[in-house]
């Protein structure tokens, strides 16, 4: 693999990571909003299910995105140190 294809692949991964971080954070914010809504008014079974689903989906999106984000940043940092 040439350096250009590696950089292109890394850029593509960074783009997907950006979407994952953004979507996961938004879904976590929705879960928190729903929680405070239930706290202020009343927790219904449907609201509790919605909070749980939002937390699970947010975690599924956010956790891998954070790991890949760290990997992309570490690879970029390593390239800078090596002068590439």
PDB file of N, CA and C in Angstrom:
ATOM      1  N   UNK A   1       0.841  -1.177   0.000  1.00  0.00           N
ATOM      2  CA  UNK A   1       0.000   0.000   0.000  1.00  0.00           C
ATOM      3  C   UNK A   1       0.885   1.239   0.000  1.00  0.00           C
ATOM      4  N   UNK A   2       0.553   2.168  -0.842  1.00  0.00           N
ATOM      5  CA  UNK A   2       1.337   3.403  -0.870  1.00  0.00           C
ATOM      6  C   UNK A   2       0.883   4.339   0.239  1.00  0.00           C
ATOM      7  N   UNK A   3       1.727   5.332   0.491  1.00  0.00           N
ATOM      8  CA  UNK A   3       1.393   6.295   1.543  1.00  0.00           C
ATOM      9  C   UNK A   3       0.103   7.040   1.228  1.00  0.00           C
ATOM     10  N   UNK A   4      -0.119   7.320  -0.059  1.00  0.00           N
ATOM     11  CA  UNK A   4      -1.323   8.056  -0.440  1.00  0.00           C
ATOM     12  C   UNK A   4      -2.587   7.264  -0.143  1.00  0.00           C
ATOM     13  N   UNK A   5      -2.561   5.952  -0.415  1.00  0.00           N
ATOM     14  CA  UNK A   5      -3.757   5.154  -0.141  1.00  0.00           C
ATOM     15  C   UNK A   5      -3.992   5.007   1.358  1.00  0.00           C
ATOM     16  N   UNK A   6      -2.907   4.948   2.130  1.00  0.00           N
ATOM     17  CA  UNK A   6      -3.051   4.872   3.585  1.00  0.00           C
ATOM     18  C   UNK A   6      -3.659   6.172   4.122  1.00  0.00           C
ATOM     19  N   UNK A   7      -3.166   7.302   3.620  1.00  0.00           N
ATOM     20  CA  UNK A   7      -3.702   8.593   4.058  1.00  0.00           C
ATOM     21  C   UNK A   7      -5.154   8.763   3.640  1.00  0.00           C
ATOM     22  N   UNK A   8      -5.482   8.290   2.433  1.00  0.00           N
ATOM     23  CA  UNK A   8      -6.870   8.387   1.968  1.00  0.00           C
ATOM     24  C   UNK A   8      -7.784   7.526   2.837  1.00  0.00           C
ATOM     25  N   UNK A   9      -7.323   6.327   3.157  1.00  0.00           N
ATOM     26  CA  UNK A   9      -8.115   5.434   4.015  1.00  0.00           C
ATOM     27  C   UNK A   9      -8.265   6.034   5.413  1.00  0.00           C
ATOM     28  N   UNK A  10      -7.197   6.607   5.931  1.00  0.00           N
ATOM     29  CA  UNK A  10      -7.250   7.235   7.252  1.00  0.00           C
ATOM     30  C   UNK A  10      -8.221   8.413   7.255  1.00  0.00           C
ATOM     31  N   UNK A  11      -8.222   9.183   6.169  1.00  0.00           N
ATOM     32  CA  UNK A  11      -9.140  10.321   6.072  1.00  0.00           C
ATOM     33  C   UNK A  11     -10.589   9.843   6.021  1.00  0.00           C
ATOM     34  N   UNK A  12     -10.828   8.752   5.311  1.00  0.00           N
ATOM     35  CA  UNK A  12     -12.181   8.189   5.235  1.00  0.00           C
ATOM     36  C   UNK A  12     -12.640   7.712   6.612  1.00  0.00           C
ATOM     37  N   UNK A  13     -11.735   7.054   7.332  1.00  0.00           N
ATOM     38  CA  UNK A  13     -12.067   6.577   8.681  1.00  0.00           C
ATOM     39  C   UNK A  13     -12.331   7.765   9.609  1.00  0.00           C
ATOM     40  N   UNK A  14     -11.503   8.807   9.495  1.00  0.00           N
ATOM     41  CA  UNK A  14     -11.693  10.000  10.328  1.00  0.00           C
ATOM     42  C   UNK A  14     -13.039  10.655  10.046  1.00  0.00           C
ATOM     43  N   UNK A  15     -13.463  10.618   8.797  1.00  0.00           N
ATOM     44  CA  UNK A  15     -14.764  11.187   8.433  1.00  0.00           C
ATOM     45  C   UNK A  15     -15.895  10.395   9.099  1.00  0.00           C
ATOM     46  N   UNK A  16     -15.825   9.064   9.023  1.00  0.00           N
ATOM     47  CA  UNK A  16     -16.847   8.229   9.660  1.00  0.00           C
ATOM     48  C   UNK A  16     -16.814   8.378  11.179  1.00  0.00           C
ATOM     49  N   UNK A  17     -15.631   8.511  11.730  1.00  0.00           N
ATOM     50  CA  UNK A  17     -15.480   8.717  13.172  1.00  0.00           C
ATOM     51  C   UNK A  17     -16.164  10.008  13.592  1.00  0.00           C
ATOM     52  N   UNK A  18     -15.992  11.036  12.785  1.00  0.00           N
ATOM     53  CA  UNK A  18     -16.627  12.317  13.072  1.00  0.00           C
ATOM     54  C   UNK A  18     -18.149  12.182  13.127  1.00  0.00           C
ATOM     55  N   UNK A  19     -18.708  11.442  12.166  1.00  0.00           N
ATOM     56  CA  UNK A  19     -20.160  11.202  12.174  1.00  0.00           C
ATOM     57  C   UNK A  19     -20.579  10.407  13.411  1.00  0.00           C
ATOM     58  N   UNK A  20     -19.797   9.386  13.754  1.00  0.00           N
ATOM     59  CA  UNK A  20     -20.128   8.559  14.916  1.00  0.00           C
ATOM     60  C   UNK A  20     -20.082   9.342  16.213  1.00  0.00           C
ATOM     61  N   UNK A  21     -19.058  10.173  16.365  1.00  0.00           N
ATOM     62  CA  UNK A  21     -18.953  10.995  17.575  1.00  0.00           C
ATOM     63  C   UNK A  21     -20.121  11.968  17.678  1.00  0.00           C
ATOM     64  N   UNK A  22     -20.434  12.600  16.558  1.00  0.00           N
ATOM     65  CA  UNK A  22     -21.522  13.583  16.556  1.00  0.00           C
ATOM     66  C   UNK A  22     -22.862  12.907  16.855  1.00  0.00           C
ATOM     67  N   UNK A  23     -23.144  11.797  16.165  1.00  0.00           N
ATOM     68  CA  UNK A  23     -24.429  11.113  16.349  1.00  0.00           C
ATOM     69  C   UNK A  23     -24.539  10.545  17.762  1.00  0.00           C
ATOM     70  N   UNK A  24     -23.465   9.926  18.257  1.00  0.00           N
ATOM     71  CA  UNK A  24     -23.500   9.362  19.604  1.00  0.00           C
ATOM     72  C   UNK A  24     -23.722  10.415  20.669  1.00  0.00           C
ATOM     73  N   UNK A  25     -23.073  11.551  20.515  1.00  0.00           N
ATOM     74  CA  UNK A  25     -23.231  12.637  21.480  1.00  0.00           C
ATOM     75  C   UNK A  25     -24.650  13.200  21.443  1.00  0.00           C
ATOM     76  N   UNK A  26     -25.193  13.358  20.260  1.00  0.00           N
ATOM     77  CA  UNK A  26     -26.569  13.868  20.127  1.00  0.00           C
ATOM     78  C   UNK A  26     -27.560  12.892  20.757  1.00  0.00           C
ATOM     79  N   UNK A  27     -27.363  11.600  20.519  1.00  0.00           N
ATOM     80  CA  UNK A  27     -28.280  10.611  21.086  1.00  0.00           C
ATOM     81  C   UNK A  27     -28.152  10.567  22.612  1.00  0.00           C
ATOM     82  N   UNK A  28     -26.943  10.729  23.137  1.00  0.00           N
ATOM     83  CA  UNK A  28     -26.776  10.826  24.595  1.00  0.00           C
ATOM     84  C   UNK A  28     -27.501  12.059  25.142  1.00  0.00           C
ATOM     85  N   UNK A  29     -27.426  13.173  24.428  1.00  0.00           N
ATOM     86  CA  UNK A  29     -28.131  14.385  24.858  1.00  0.00           C
ATOM     87  C   UNK A  29     -29.637  14.154  24.852  1.00  0.00           C
ATOM     88  N   UNK A  30     -30.129  13.424  23.873  1.00  0.00           N
ATOM     89  CA  UNK A  30     -31.554  13.095  23.827  1.00  0.00           C
ATOM     90  C   UNK A  30     -31.929  12.234  25.029  1.00  0.00           C
ATOM     91  N   UNK A  31     -31.078  11.253  25.358  1.00  0.00           N
ATOM     92  CA  UNK A  31     -31.350  10.391  26.512  1.00  0.00           C
ATOM     93  C   UNK A  31     -31.387  11.210  27.804  1.00  0.00           C
ATOM     94  N   UNK A  32     -30.450  12.150  27.941  1.00  0.00           N
ATOM     95  CA  UNK A  32     -30.438  12.986  29.152  1.00  0.00           C
ATOM     96  C   UNK A  32     -31.682  13.874  29.205  1.00  0.00           C
ATOM     97  N   UNK A  33     -32.073  14.413  28.067  1.00  0.00           N
ATOM     98  CA  UNK A  33     -33.274  15.259  28.022  1.00  0.00           C
ATOM     99  C   UNK A  33     -34.511  14.456  28.411  1.00  0.00           C
ATOM    100  N   UNK A  34     -34.598  13.243  27.872  1.00  0.00           N
ATOM    101  CA  UNK A  34     -35.739  12.387  28.221  1.00  0.00           C
ATOM    102  C   UNK A  34     -35.727  12.035  29.706  1.00  0.00           C
ATOM    103  N   UNK A  35     -34.538  11.805  30.254  1.00  0.00           N
ATOM    104  CA  UNK A  35     -34.442  11.490  31.683  1.00  0.00           C
ATOM    105  C   UNK A  35     -34.950  12.655  32.523  1.00  0.00           C
ATOM    106  N   UNK A  36     -34.510  13.867  32.209  1.00  0.00           N
ATOM    107  CA  UNK A  36     -34.955  15.019  32.994  1.00  0.00           C
ATOM    108  C   UNK A  36     -36.431  15.295  32.780  1.00  0.00           C
ATOM    109  N   UNK A  37     -36.922  14.994  31.592  1.00  0.00           N
ATOM    110  CA  UNK A  37     -38.361  15.119  31.342  1.00  0.00           C
ATOM    111  C   UNK A  37     -39.122  14.160  32.251  1.00  0.00           C
ATOM    112  N   UNK A  38     -38.657  12.920  32.337  1.00  0.00           N
ATOM    113  CA  UNK A  38     -39.299  11.949  33.222  1.00  0.00           C
ATOM    114  C   UNK A  38     -39.138  12.313  34.685  1.00  0.00           C
ATOM    115  N   UNK A  39     -37.992  12.883  35.050  1.00  0.00           N
ATOM    116  CA  UNK A  39     -37.745  13.288  36.425  1.00  0.00           C
ATOM    117  C   UNK A  39     -38.683  14.415  36.836  1.00  0.00           C
ATOM    118  N   UNK A  40     -38.917  15.363  35.907  1.00  0.00           N
ATOM    119  CA  UNK A  40     -39.775  16.507  36.225  1.00  0.00           C
ATOM    120  C   UNK A  40     -41.247  16.125  36.243  1.00  0.00           C
ATOM    121  N   UNK A  41     -41.650  15.219  35.377  1.00  0.00           N
ATOM    122  CA  UNK A  41     -43.067  14.874  35.291  1.00  0.00           C
ATOM    123  C   UNK A  41     -43.312  13.477  35.859  1.00  0.00           C
ATOM    124  N   UNK A  42     -43.188  12.471  35.032  1.00  0.00           N
ATOM    125  CA  UNK A  42     -43.426  11.116  35.508  1.00  0.00           C
ATOM    126  C   UNK A  42     -42.757  10.131  34.558  1.00  0.00           C
ATOM    127  N   UNK A  43     -42.089   9.141  35.136  1.00  0.00           N
ATOM    128  CA  UNK A  43     -41.484   8.098  34.318  1.00  0.00           C
ATOM    129  C   UNK A  43     -42.556   7.084  33.932  1.00  0.00           C
ATOM    130  N   UNK A  44     -42.817   7.001  32.659  1.00  0.00           N
ATOM    131  CA  UNK A  44     -43.741   5.991  32.151  1.00  0.00           C
ATOM    132  C   UNK A  44     -42.902   4.850  31.567  1.00  0.00           C
ATOM    133  N   UNK A  45     -43.495   3.696  31.386  1.00  0.00           N
ATOM    134  CA  UNK A  45     -42.737   2.596  30.778  1.00  0.00           C
ATOM    135  C   UNK A  45     -42.201   2.947  29.379  1.00  0.00           C
ATOM    136  N   UNK A  46     -42.969   3.675  28.606  1.00  0.00           N
ATOM    137  CA  UNK A  46     -42.527   4.052  27.258  1.00  0.00           C
ATOM    138  C   UNK A  46     -41.337   5.013  27.333  1.00  0.00           C
ATOM    139  N   UNK A  47     -41.395   5.954  28.259  1.00  0.00           N
ATOM    140  CA  UNK A  47     -40.293   6.905  28.418  1.00  0.00           C
ATOM    141  C   UNK A  47     -39.028   6.195  28.902  1.00  0.00           C
ATOM    142  N   UNK A  48     -39.196   5.283  29.835  1.00  0.00           N
ATOM    143  CA  UNK A  48     -38.053   4.519  30.326  1.00  0.00           C
ATOM    144  C   UNK A  48     -37.424   3.689  29.210  1.00  0.00           C
ATOM    145  N   UNK A  49     -38.255   3.090  28.378  1.00  0.00           N
ATOM    146  CA  UNK A  49     -37.757   2.316  27.234  1.00  0.00           C
ATOM    147  C   UNK A  49     -37.017   3.218  26.258  1.00  0.00           C
ATOM    148  N   UNK A  50     -37.556   4.401  25.997  1.00  0.00           N
ATOM    149  CA  UNK A  50     -36.909   5.333  25.080  1.00  0.00           C
ATOM    150  C   UNK A  50     -35.542   5.775  25.616  1.00  0.00           C
ATOM    151  N   UNK A  51     -35.457   6.020  26.914  1.00  0.00           N
ATOM    152  CA  UNK A  51     -34.178   6.406  27.532  1.00  0.00           C
ATOM    153  C   UNK A  51     -33.177   5.266  27.395  1.00  0.00           C
ATOM    154  N   UNK A  52     -33.612   4.057  27.690  1.00  0.00           N
ATOM    155  CA  UNK A  52     -32.728   2.903  27.609  1.00  0.00           C
ATOM    156  C   UNK A  52     -32.245   2.667  26.182  1.00  0.00           C
ATOM    157  N   UNK A  53     -33.136   2.757  25.223  1.00  0.00           N
ATOM    158  CA  UNK A  53     -32.761   2.575  23.819  1.00  0.00           C
ATOM    159  C   UNK A  53     -31.782   3.659  23.383  1.00  0.00           C
ATOM    160  N   UNK A  54     -32.025   4.893  23.782  1.00  0.00           N
ATOM    161  CA  UNK A  54     -31.123   5.987  23.418  1.00  0.00           C
ATOM    162  C   UNK A  54     -29.737   5.781  24.024  1.00  0.00           C
ATOM    163  N   UNK A  55     -29.676   5.316  25.259  1.00  0.00           N
ATOM    164  CA  UNK A  55     -28.376   5.060  25.889  1.00  0.00           C
ATOM    165  C   UNK A  55     -27.624   3.926  25.194  1.00  0.00           C
ATOM    166  N   UNK A  56     -28.344   2.880  24.831  1.00  0.00           N
ATOM    167  CA  UNK A  56     -27.699   1.747  24.159  1.00  0.00           C
ATOM    168  C   UNK A  56     -27.212   2.143  22.771  1.00  0.00           C
ATOM    169  N   UNK A  57     -28.061   2.808  21.991  1.00  0.00           N
ATOM    170  CA  UNK A  57     -27.668   3.227  20.646  1.00  0.00           C
ATOM    171  C   UNK A  57     -26.522   4.238  20.709  1.00  0.00           C
ATOM    172  N   UNK A  58     -26.602   5.172  21.645  1.00  0.00           N
ATOM    173  CA  UNK A  58     -25.529   6.145  21.809  1.00  0.00           C
ATOM    174  C   UNK A  58     -24.212   5.478  22.161  1.00  0.00           C
ATOM    175  N   UNK A  59     -24.262   4.470  23.019  1.00  0.00           N
ATOM    176  CA  UNK A  59     -23.050   3.743  23.398  1.00  0.00           C
ATOM    177  C   UNK A  59     -22.490   2.951  22.229  1.00  0.00           C
ATOM    178  N   UNK A  60     -23.362   2.310  21.458  1.00  0.00           N
ATOM    179  CA  UNK A  60     -22.918   1.524  20.309  1.00  0.00           C
ATOM    180  C   UNK A  60     -22.242   2.420  19.283  1.00  0.00           C
ATOM    181  N   UNK A  61     -22.712   3.643  19.124  1.00  0.00           N
ATOM    182  CA  UNK A  61     -22.096   4.573  18.179  1.00  0.00           C
ATOM    183  C   UNK A  61     -20.855   5.243  18.753  1.00  0.00           C
ATOM    184  N   UNK A  62     -20.924   5.635  19.997  1.00  0.00           N
ATOM    185  CA  UNK A  62     -19.877   6.463  20.578  1.00  0.00           C
ATOM    186  C   UNK A  62     -18.613   5.682  20.950  1.00  0.00           C
ATOM    187  N   UNK A  63     -18.759   4.508  21.515  1.00  0.00           N
ATOM    188  CA  UNK A  63     -17.584   3.761  21.985  1.00  0.00           C
ATOM    189  C   UNK A  63     -16.596   3.426  20.859  1.00  0.00           C
ATOM    190  N   UNK A  64     -17.045   2.806  19.763  1.00  0.00           N
ATOM    191  CA  UNK A  64     -16.074   2.523  18.696  1.00  0.00           C
ATOM    192  C   UNK A  64     -15.534   3.792  18.050  1.00  0.00           C
ATOM    193  N   UNK A  65     -16.375   4.812  17.949  1.00  0.00           N
ATOM    194  CA  UNK A  65     -15.921   6.070  17.349  1.00  0.00           C
ATOM    195  C   UNK A  65     -14.796   6.688  18.181  1.00  0.00           C
ATOM    196  N   UNK A  66     -14.895   6.593  19.493  1.00  0.00           N
ATOM    197  CA  UNK A  66     -13.836   7.136  20.350  1.00  0.00           C
ATOM    198  C   UNK A  66     -12.538   6.346  20.190  1.00  0.00           C
ATOM    199  N   UNK A  67     -12.640   5.036  20.085  1.00  0.00           N
ATOM    200  CA  UNK A  67     -11.448   4.202  19.928  1.00  0.00           C
ATOM    201  C   UNK A  67     -10.778   4.489  18.584  1.00  0.00           C
ATOM    202  N   UNK A  68     -11.568   4.532  17.508  1.00  0.00           N
ATOM    203  CA  UNK A  68     -11.006   4.816  16.188  1.00  0.00           C
ATOM    204  C   UNK A  68     -10.464   6.238  16.115  1.00  0.00           C
ATOM    205  N   UNK A  69     -11.108   7.170  16.792  1.00  0.00           N
ATOM    206  CA  UNK A  69     -10.617   8.547  16.828  1.00  0.00           C
ATOM    207  C   UNK A  69      -9.232   8.591  17.466  1.00  0.00           C
ATOM    208  N   UNK A  70      -9.055   7.862  18.549  1.00  0.00           N
ATOM    209  CA  UNK A  70      -7.749   7.800  19.191  1.00  0.00           C
ATOM    210  C   UNK A  70      -6.711   7.197  18.238  1.00  0.00           C
ATOM    211  N   UNK A  71      -7.106   6.149  17.538  1.00  0.00           N
ATOM    212  CA  UNK A  71      -6.189   5.500  16.604  1.00  0.00           C
ATOM    213  C   UNK A  71      -5.765   6.403  15.470  1.00  0.00           C
ATOM    214  N   UNK A  72      -6.709   7.131  14.893  1.00  0.00           N
ATOM    215  CA  UNK A  72      -6.394   8.047  13.793  1.00  0.00           C
ATOM    216  C   UNK A  72      -5.480   9.160  14.278  1.00  0.00           C
ATOM    217  N   UNK A  73      -5.779   9.716  15.450  1.00  0.00           N
ATOM    218  CA  UNK A  73      -4.933  10.789  15.980  1.00  0.00           C
ATOM    219  C   UNK A  73      -3.531  10.281  16.296  1.00  0.00           C
ATOM    220  N   UNK A  74      -3.437   9.070  16.829  1.00  0.00           N
ATOM    221  CA  UNK A  74      -2.119   8.502  17.145  1.00  0.00           C
ATOM    222  C   UNK A  74      -1.328   8.248  15.864  1.00  0.00           C
ATOM    223  N   UNK A  75      -1.991   7.773  14.820  1.00  0.00           N
ATOM    224  CA  UNK A  75      -1.299   7.531  13.548  1.00  0.00           C
ATOM    225  C   UNK A  75      -0.824   8.842  12.934  1.00  0.00           C
ATOM    226  N   UNK A  76      -1.651   9.866  13.000  1.00  0.00           N
ATOM    227  CA  UNK A  76      -1.246  11.181  12.486  1.00  0.00           C
ATOM    228  C   UNK A  76      -0.064  11.738  13.274  1.00  0.00           C
ATOM    229  N   UNK A  77      -0.107  11.583  14.584  1.00  0.00           N
ATOM    230  CA  UNK A  77       0.979  12.059  15.440  1.00  0.00           C
ATOM    231  C   UNK A  77       2.267  11.307  15.124  1.00  0.00           C
ATOM    232  N   UNK A  78       2.154  10.001  14.931  1.00  0.00           N
ATOM    233  CA  UNK A  78       3.330   9.177  14.601  1.00  0.00           C
ATOM    234  C   UNK A  78       3.918   9.581  13.239  1.00  0.00           C
ATOM    235  N   UNK A  79       3.068   9.891  12.271  1.00  0.00           N
ATOM    236  CA  UNK A  79       3.526  10.346  10.972  1.00  0.00           C
ATOM    237  C   UNK A  79       4.269  11.678  11.082  1.00  0.00           C
ATOM    238  N   UNK A  80       3.740  12.571  11.897  1.00  0.00           N
ATOM    239  CA  UNK A  80       4.405  13.873  12.091  1.00  0.00           C
ATOM    240  C   UNK A  80       5.779  13.698  12.734  1.00  0.00           C
ATOM    241  N   UNK A  81       5.863  12.804  13.715  1.00  0.00           N
ATOM    242  CA  UNK A  81       7.146  12.560  14.374  1.00  0.00           C
ATOM    243  C   UNK A  81       8.166  11.964  13.406  1.00  0.00           C
ATOM    244  N   UNK A  82       7.690  11.103  12.497  1.00  0.00           N
ATOM    245  CA  UNK A  82       8.583  10.453  11.530  1.00  0.00           C
ATOM    246  C   UNK A  82       8.883  11.352  10.349  1.00  0.00           C
ATOM    247  N   UNK A  83       8.216  12.488  10.285  1.00  0.00           N
ATOM    248  CA  UNK A  83       8.468  13.439   9.199  1.00  0.00           C
ATOM    249  C   UNK A  83       7.804  13.058   7.886  1.00  0.00           C
ATOM    250  N   UNK A  84       6.710  12.318   7.963  1.00  0.00           N
ATOM    251  CA  UNK A  84       6.007  11.921   6.733  1.00  0.00           C
ATOM    252  C   UNK A  84       4.860  12.824   6.444  1.00  0.00           C
TER     253      UNK A  84
END
